[in-house]
């Protein structure tokens, strides 16, 4: 996953149900002090239909359409 990809949220959060679509704006490597798999990234999403951005781990997202 990278910036520009359209993704679907698989893990719900308060105010964001599972299945919500979003656009990845930025991606960052996760520091080693988190309980994550090596090489996992944090993605900043602009959620469709909501005026907010949220952070998600790659394992909580499903790619709908990749950018070129």
PDB file of N, CA and C in Angstrom:
ATOM      1  N   UNK A   1       0.850  -1.182   0.000  1.00  0.00           N
ATOM      2  CA  UNK A   1       0.000   0.000   0.000  1.00  0.00           C
ATOM      3  C   UNK A   1       0.890   1.237   0.000  1.00  0.00           C
ATOM      4  N   UNK A   2       0.415   2.248  -0.691  1.00  0.00           N
ATOM      5  CA  UNK A   2       1.169   3.497  -0.769  1.00  0.00           C
ATOM      6  C   UNK A   2       0.207   4.666  -0.936  1.00  0.00           C
ATOM      7  N   UNK A   3       0.750   5.876  -0.865  1.00  0.00           N
ATOM      8  CA  UNK A   3      -0.061   7.082  -1.014  1.00  0.00           C
ATOM      9  C   UNK A   3      -0.796   7.053  -2.344  1.00  0.00           C
ATOM     10  N   UNK A   4      -2.079   7.389  -2.324  1.00  0.00           N
ATOM     11  CA  UNK A   4      -2.896   7.406  -3.524  1.00  0.00           C
ATOM     12  C   UNK A   4      -3.793   6.195  -3.678  1.00  0.00           C
ATOM     13  N   UNK A   5      -3.567   5.153  -2.882  1.00  0.00           N
ATOM     14  CA  UNK A   5      -4.404   3.950  -2.951  1.00  0.00           C
ATOM     15  C   UNK A   5      -5.755   4.184  -2.276  1.00  0.00           C
ATOM     16  N   UNK A   6      -6.804   3.639  -2.870  1.00  0.00           N
ATOM     17  CA  UNK A   6      -8.137   3.642  -2.269  1.00  0.00           C
ATOM     18  C   UNK A   6      -8.253   2.360  -1.457  1.00  0.00           C
ATOM     19  N   UNK A   7      -8.623   2.493  -0.171  1.00  0.00           N
ATOM     20  CA  UNK A   7      -8.677   1.332   0.717  1.00  0.00           C
ATOM     21  C   UNK A   7      -9.997   1.275   1.468  1.00  0.00           C
ATOM     22  N   UNK A   8     -10.291   0.086   1.995  1.00  0.00           N
ATOM     23  CA  UNK A   8     -11.470  -0.138   2.812  1.00  0.00           C
ATOM     24  C   UNK A   8     -11.000  -0.480   4.225  1.00  0.00           C
ATOM     25  N   UNK A   9     -11.624   0.134   5.225  1.00  0.00           N
ATOM     26  CA  UNK A   9     -11.284  -0.113   6.620  1.00  0.00           C
ATOM     27  C   UNK A   9     -11.882  -1.454   7.045  1.00  0.00           C
ATOM     28  N   UNK A  10     -11.044  -2.343   7.588  1.00  0.00           N
ATOM     29  CA  UNK A  10     -11.519  -3.650   8.054  1.00  0.00           C
ATOM     30  C   UNK A  10     -11.786  -3.665   9.556  1.00  0.00           C
ATOM     31  N   UNK A  11     -11.152  -2.770  10.315  1.00  0.00           N
ATOM     32  CA  UNK A  11     -11.318  -2.728  11.765  1.00  0.00           C
ATOM     33  C   UNK A  11     -12.057  -1.435  12.138  1.00  0.00           C
ATOM     34  N   UNK A  12     -13.248  -1.545  12.730  1.00  0.00           N
ATOM     35  CA  UNK A  12     -13.994  -0.339  13.066  1.00  0.00           C
ATOM     36  C   UNK A  12     -13.354   0.438  14.214  1.00  0.00           C
ATOM     37  N   UNK A  13     -13.577   1.747  14.215  1.00  0.00           N
ATOM     38  CA  UNK A  13     -13.183   2.638  15.302  1.00  0.00           C
ATOM     39  C   UNK A  13     -14.410   3.464  15.657  1.00  0.00           C
ATOM     40  N   UNK A  14     -14.332   4.194  16.727  1.00  0.00           N
ATOM     41  CA  UNK A  14     -15.445   5.062  17.109  1.00  0.00           C
ATOM     42  C   UNK A  14     -15.683   6.073  15.992  1.00  0.00           C
ATOM     43  N   UNK A  15     -16.884   6.096  15.445  1.00  0.00           N
ATOM     44  CA  UNK A  15     -17.247   7.022  14.385  1.00  0.00           C
ATOM     45  C   UNK A  15     -16.859   6.574  12.985  1.00  0.00           C
ATOM     46  N   UNK A  16     -16.164   5.445  12.881  1.00  0.00           N
ATOM     47  CA  UNK A  16     -15.742   4.938  11.574  1.00  0.00           C
ATOM     48  C   UNK A  16     -16.075   3.446  11.514  1.00  0.00           C
ATOM     49  N   UNK A  17     -17.191   3.081  10.870  1.00  0.00           N
ATOM     50  CA  UNK A  17     -17.551   1.663  10.795  1.00  0.00           C
ATOM     51  C   UNK A  17     -16.656   0.898   9.818  1.00  0.00           C
ATOM     52  N   UNK A  18     -16.586  -0.414  10.008  1.00  0.00           N
ATOM     53  CA  UNK A  18     -15.864  -1.265   9.060  1.00  0.00           C
ATOM     54  C   UNK A  18     -16.514  -1.118   7.687  1.00  0.00           C
ATOM     55  N   UNK A  19     -15.717  -1.129   6.650  1.00  0.00           N
ATOM     56  CA  UNK A  19     -16.227  -0.973   5.295  1.00  0.00           C
ATOM     57  C   UNK A  19     -16.140   0.452   4.777  1.00  0.00           C
ATOM     58  N   UNK A  20     -15.757   1.411   5.628  1.00  0.00           N
ATOM     59  CA  UNK A  20     -15.604   2.800   5.207  1.00  0.00           C
ATOM     60  C   UNK A  20     -14.431   2.903   4.234  1.00  0.00           C
ATOM     61  N   UNK A  21     -14.604   3.674   3.190  1.00  0.00           N
ATOM     62  CA  UNK A  21     -13.545   3.876   2.197  1.00  0.00           C
ATOM     63  C   UNK A  21     -12.705   5.091   2.544  1.00  0.00           C
ATOM     64  N   UNK A  22     -11.438   5.025   2.175  1.00  0.00           N
ATOM     65  CA  UNK A  22     -10.543   6.145   2.415  1.00  0.00           C
ATOM     66  C   UNK A  22      -9.409   6.154   1.416  1.00  0.00           C
ATOM     67  N   UNK A  23      -8.739   7.278   1.323  1.00  0.00           N
ATOM     68  CA  UNK A  23      -7.607   7.466   0.426  1.00  0.00           C
ATOM     69  C   UNK A  23      -6.349   7.616   1.277  1.00  0.00           C
ATOM     70  N   UNK A  24      -5.322   6.838   0.977  1.00  0.00           N
ATOM     71  CA  UNK A  24      -4.069   6.951   1.725  1.00  0.00           C
ATOM     72  C   UNK A  24      -3.365   8.238   1.315  1.00  0.00           C
ATOM     73  N   UNK A  25      -3.089   9.096   2.302  1.00  0.00           N
ATOM     74  CA  UNK A  25      -2.375  10.342   2.048  1.00  0.00           C
ATOM     75  C   UNK A  25      -0.871  10.179   2.246  1.00  0.00           C
ATOM     76  N   UNK A  26      -0.480   9.474   3.326  1.00  0.00           N
ATOM     77  CA  UNK A  26       0.927   9.270   3.652  1.00  0.00           C
ATOM     78  C   UNK A  26       1.102   7.916   4.308  1.00  0.00           C
ATOM     79  N   UNK A  27       2.313   7.389   4.253  1.00  0.00           N
ATOM     80  CA  UNK A  27       2.651   6.136   4.919  1.00  0.00           C
ATOM     81  C   UNK A  27       3.980   6.296   5.635  1.00  0.00           C
ATOM     82  N   UNK A  28       4.081   5.708   6.829  1.00  0.00           N
ATOM     83  CA  UNK A  28       5.287   5.787   7.645  1.00  0.00           C
ATOM     84  C   UNK A  28       5.661   4.406   8.146  1.00  0.00           C
ATOM     85  N   UNK A  29       6.961   4.170   8.314  1.00  0.00           N
ATOM     86  CA  UNK A  29       7.416   2.937   8.938  1.00  0.00           C
ATOM     87  C   UNK A  29       7.099   2.988  10.429  1.00  0.00           C
ATOM     88  N   UNK A  30       6.777   1.840  10.998  1.00  0.00           N
ATOM     89  CA  UNK A  30       6.478   1.733  12.419  1.00  0.00           C
ATOM     90  C   UNK A  30       7.789   1.575  13.179  1.00  0.00           C
ATOM     91  N   UNK A  31       7.900   2.272  14.314  1.00  0.00           N
ATOM     92  CA  UNK A  31       9.085   2.104  15.160  1.00  0.00           C
ATOM     93  C   UNK A  31       9.056   0.725  15.808  1.00  0.00           C
ATOM     94  N   UNK A  32      10.178   0.237  16.221  1.00  0.00           N
ATOM     95  CA  UNK A  32      10.296  -1.101  16.781  1.00  0.00           C
ATOM     96  C   UNK A  32       9.661  -1.274  18.152  1.00  0.00           C
ATOM     97  N   UNK A  33       9.306  -0.204  18.848  1.00  0.00           N
ATOM     98  CA  UNK A  33       8.762  -0.356  20.195  1.00  0.00           C
ATOM     99  C   UNK A  33       7.259  -0.661  20.206  1.00  0.00           C
ATOM    100  N   UNK A  34       6.637  -0.795  19.049  1.00  0.00           N
ATOM    101  CA  UNK A  34       5.232  -1.187  18.957  1.00  0.00           C
ATOM    102  C   UNK A  34       5.147  -2.695  18.758  1.00  0.00           C
ATOM    103  N   UNK A  35       4.023  -3.276  19.119  1.00  0.00           N
ATOM    104  CA  UNK A  35       3.814  -4.714  18.948  1.00  0.00           C
ATOM    105  C   UNK A  35       3.292  -4.972  17.537  1.00  0.00           C
ATOM    106  N   UNK A  36       4.174  -4.867  16.563  1.00  0.00           N
ATOM    107  CA  UNK A  36       3.788  -5.043  15.154  1.00  0.00           C
ATOM    108  C   UNK A  36       4.797  -5.939  14.449  1.00  0.00           C
ATOM    109  N   UNK A  37       4.425  -6.400  13.299  1.00  0.00           N
ATOM    110  CA  UNK A  37       5.321  -7.223  12.481  1.00  0.00           C
ATOM    111  C   UNK A  37       6.421  -6.338  11.893  1.00  0.00           C
ATOM    112  N   UNK A  38       7.592  -6.897  11.670  1.00  0.00           N
ATOM    113  CA  UNK A  38       8.673  -6.118  11.040  1.00  0.00           C
ATOM    114  C   UNK A  38       8.253  -5.603   9.669  1.00  0.00           C
ATOM    115  N   UNK A  39       8.567  -4.359   9.394  1.00  0.00           N
ATOM    116  CA  UNK A  39       8.249  -3.767   8.099  1.00  0.00           C
ATOM    117  C   UNK A  39       6.829  -3.245   7.959  1.00  0.00           C
ATOM    118  N   UNK A  40       6.031  -3.321   9.028  1.00  0.00           N
ATOM    119  CA  UNK A  40       4.651  -2.817   8.941  1.00  0.00           C
ATOM    120  C   UNK A  40       4.655  -1.288   8.908  1.00  0.00           C
ATOM    121  N   UNK A  41       3.630  -0.727   8.285  1.00  0.00           N
ATOM    122  CA  UNK A  41       3.543   0.729   8.134  1.00  0.00           C
ATOM    123  C   UNK A  41       2.275   1.279   8.766  1.00  0.00           C
ATOM    124  N   UNK A  42       2.343   2.562   9.120  1.00  0.00           N
ATOM    125  CA  UNK A  42       1.167   3.309   9.546  1.00  0.00           C
ATOM    126  C   UNK A  42       0.740   4.159   8.359  1.00  0.00           C
ATOM    127  N   UNK A  43      -0.553   4.119   8.036  1.00  0.00           N
ATOM    128  CA  UNK A  43      -1.081   4.867   6.901  1.00  0.00           C
ATOM    129  C   UNK A  43      -2.035   5.943   7.406  1.00  0.00           C
ATOM    130  N   UNK A  44      -1.871   7.162   6.892  1.00  0.00           N
ATOM    131  CA  UNK A  44      -2.773   8.271   7.200  1.00  0.00           C
ATOM    132  C   UNK A  44      -3.838   8.285   6.113  1.00  0.00           C
ATOM    133  N   UNK A  45      -5.122   8.141   6.527  1.00  0.00           N
ATOM    134  CA  UNK A  45      -6.234   8.085   5.569  1.00  0.00           C
ATOM    135  C   UNK A  45      -7.082   9.344   5.622  1.00  0.00           C
ATOM    136  N   UNK A  46      -7.530   9.791   4.461  1.00  0.00           N
ATOM    137  CA  UNK A  46      -8.610  10.779   4.361  1.00  0.00           C
ATOM    138  C   UNK A  46      -9.850   9.953   4.090  1.00  0.00           C
ATOM    139  N   UNK A  47     -10.762   9.924   5.046  1.00  0.00           N
ATOM    140  CA  UNK A  47     -11.954   9.092   4.919  1.00  0.00           C
ATOM    141  C   UNK A  47     -12.977   9.747   4.008  1.00  0.00           C
ATOM    142  N   UNK A  48     -13.597   8.958   3.160  1.00  0.00           N
ATOM    143  CA  UNK A  48     -14.590   9.449   2.214  1.00  0.00           C
ATOM    144  C   UNK A  48     -15.877   9.784   2.980  1.00  0.00           C
ATOM    145  N   UNK A  49     -16.393  10.986   2.790  1.00  0.00           N
ATOM    146  CA  UNK A  49     -17.636  11.393   3.424  1.00  0.00           C
ATOM    147  C   UNK A  49     -17.480  11.879   4.848  1.00  0.00           C
ATOM    148  N   UNK A  50     -16.256  11.962   5.349  1.00  0.00           N
ATOM    149  CA  UNK A  50     -16.006  12.438   6.713  1.00  0.00           C
ATOM    150  C   UNK A  50     -14.871  13.455   6.657  1.00  0.00           C
ATOM    151  N   UNK A  51     -15.022  14.567   7.346  1.00  0.00           N
ATOM    152  CA  UNK A  51     -13.997  15.612   7.285  1.00  0.00           C
ATOM    153  C   UNK A  51     -12.866  15.368   8.285  1.00  0.00           C
ATOM    154  N   UNK A  52     -12.298  14.166   8.263  1.00  0.00           N
ATOM    155  CA  UNK A  52     -11.230  13.873   9.202  1.00  0.00           C
ATOM    156  C   UNK A  52     -10.245  12.882   8.624  1.00  0.00           C
ATOM    157  N   UNK A  53      -9.070  12.862   9.224  1.00  0.00           N
ATOM    158  CA  UNK A  53      -8.034  11.918   8.844  1.00  0.00           C
ATOM    159  C   UNK A  53      -7.818  10.977  10.020  1.00  0.00           C
ATOM    160  N   UNK A  54      -7.513   9.719   9.734  1.00  0.00           N
ATOM    161  CA  UNK A  54      -7.262   8.726  10.777  1.00  0.00           C
ATOM    162  C   UNK A  54      -6.016   7.932  10.421  1.00  0.00           C
ATOM    163  N   UNK A  55      -5.359   7.394  11.450  1.00  0.00           N
ATOM    164  CA  UNK A  55      -4.185   6.533  11.260  1.00  0.00           C
ATOM    165  C   UNK A  55      -4.599   5.076  11.413  1.00  0.00           C
ATOM    166  N   UNK A  56      -4.098   4.240  10.527  1.00  0.00           N
ATOM    167  CA  UNK A  56      -4.379   2.805  10.565  1.00  0.00           C
ATOM    168  C   UNK A  56      -3.114   2.034  10.255  1.00  0.00           C
ATOM    169  N   UNK A  57      -3.012   0.846  10.831  1.00  0.00           N
ATOM    170  CA  UNK A  57      -1.959  -0.083  10.436  1.00  0.00           C
ATOM    171  C   UNK A  57      -2.382  -0.772   9.148  1.00  0.00           C
ATOM    172  N   UNK A  58      -1.412  -1.205   8.366  1.00  0.00           N
ATOM    173  CA  UNK A  58      -1.702  -1.857   7.102  1.00  0.00           C
ATOM    174  C   UNK A  58      -2.577  -3.093   7.251  1.00  0.00           C
ATOM    175  N   UNK A  59      -2.448  -3.816   8.369  1.00  0.00           N
ATOM    176  CA  UNK A  59      -3.252  -5.035   8.566  1.00  0.00           C
ATOM    177  C   UNK A  59      -4.727  -4.737   8.776  1.00  0.00           C
ATOM    178  N   UNK A  60      -5.086  -3.472   9.045  1.00  0.00           N
ATOM    179  CA  UNK A  60      -6.476  -3.090   9.262  1.00  0.00           C
ATOM    180  C   UNK A  60      -7.135  -2.525   8.015  1.00  0.00           C
ATOM    181  N   UNK A  61      -6.432  -2.595   6.877  1.00  0.00           N
ATOM    182  CA  UNK A  61      -6.929  -2.029   5.627  1.00  0.00           C
ATOM    183  C   UNK A  61      -6.922  -3.070   4.522  1.00  0.00           C
ATOM    184  N   UNK A  62      -7.805  -2.875   3.558  1.00  0.00           N
ATOM    185  CA  UNK A  62      -7.886  -3.729   2.374  1.00  0.00           C
ATOM    186  C   UNK A  62      -7.860  -2.830   1.145  1.00  0.00           C
ATOM    187  N   UNK A  63      -6.946  -3.078   0.234  1.00  0.00           N
ATOM    188  CA  UNK A  63      -6.820  -2.250  -0.973  1.00  0.00           C
ATOM    189  C   UNK A  63      -8.000  -2.514  -1.903  1.00  0.00           C
ATOM    190  N   UNK A  64      -8.677  -1.434  -2.320  1.00  0.00           N
ATOM    191  CA  UNK A  64      -9.769  -1.520  -3.276  1.00  0.00           C
ATOM    192  C   UNK A  64      -9.253  -1.212  -4.672  1.00  0.00           C
ATOM    193  N   UNK A  65      -8.434  -0.161  -4.789  1.00  0.00           N
ATOM    194  CA  UNK A  65      -7.884   0.237  -6.082  1.00  0.00           C
ATOM    195  C   UNK A  65      -6.515   0.854  -5.851  1.00  0.00           C
ATOM    196  N   UNK A  66      -5.488   0.309  -6.514  1.00  0.00           N
ATOM    197  CA  UNK A  66      -4.133   0.819  -6.364  1.00  0.00           C
ATOM    198  C   UNK A  66      -3.873   1.997  -7.297  1.00  0.00           C
ATOM    199  N   UNK A  67      -3.076   2.956  -6.805  1.00  0.00           N
ATOM    200  CA  UNK A  67      -2.665   4.059  -7.671  1.00  0.00           C
ATOM    201  C   UNK A  67      -1.505   3.582  -8.541  1.00  0.00           C
ATOM    202  N   UNK A  68      -1.288   4.273  -9.617  1.00  0.00           N
ATOM    203  CA  UNK A  68      -0.199   3.866 -10.539  1.00  0.00           C
ATOM    204  C   UNK A  68       0.989   4.746 -10.364  1.00  0.00           C
TER     205      UNK A  68
END
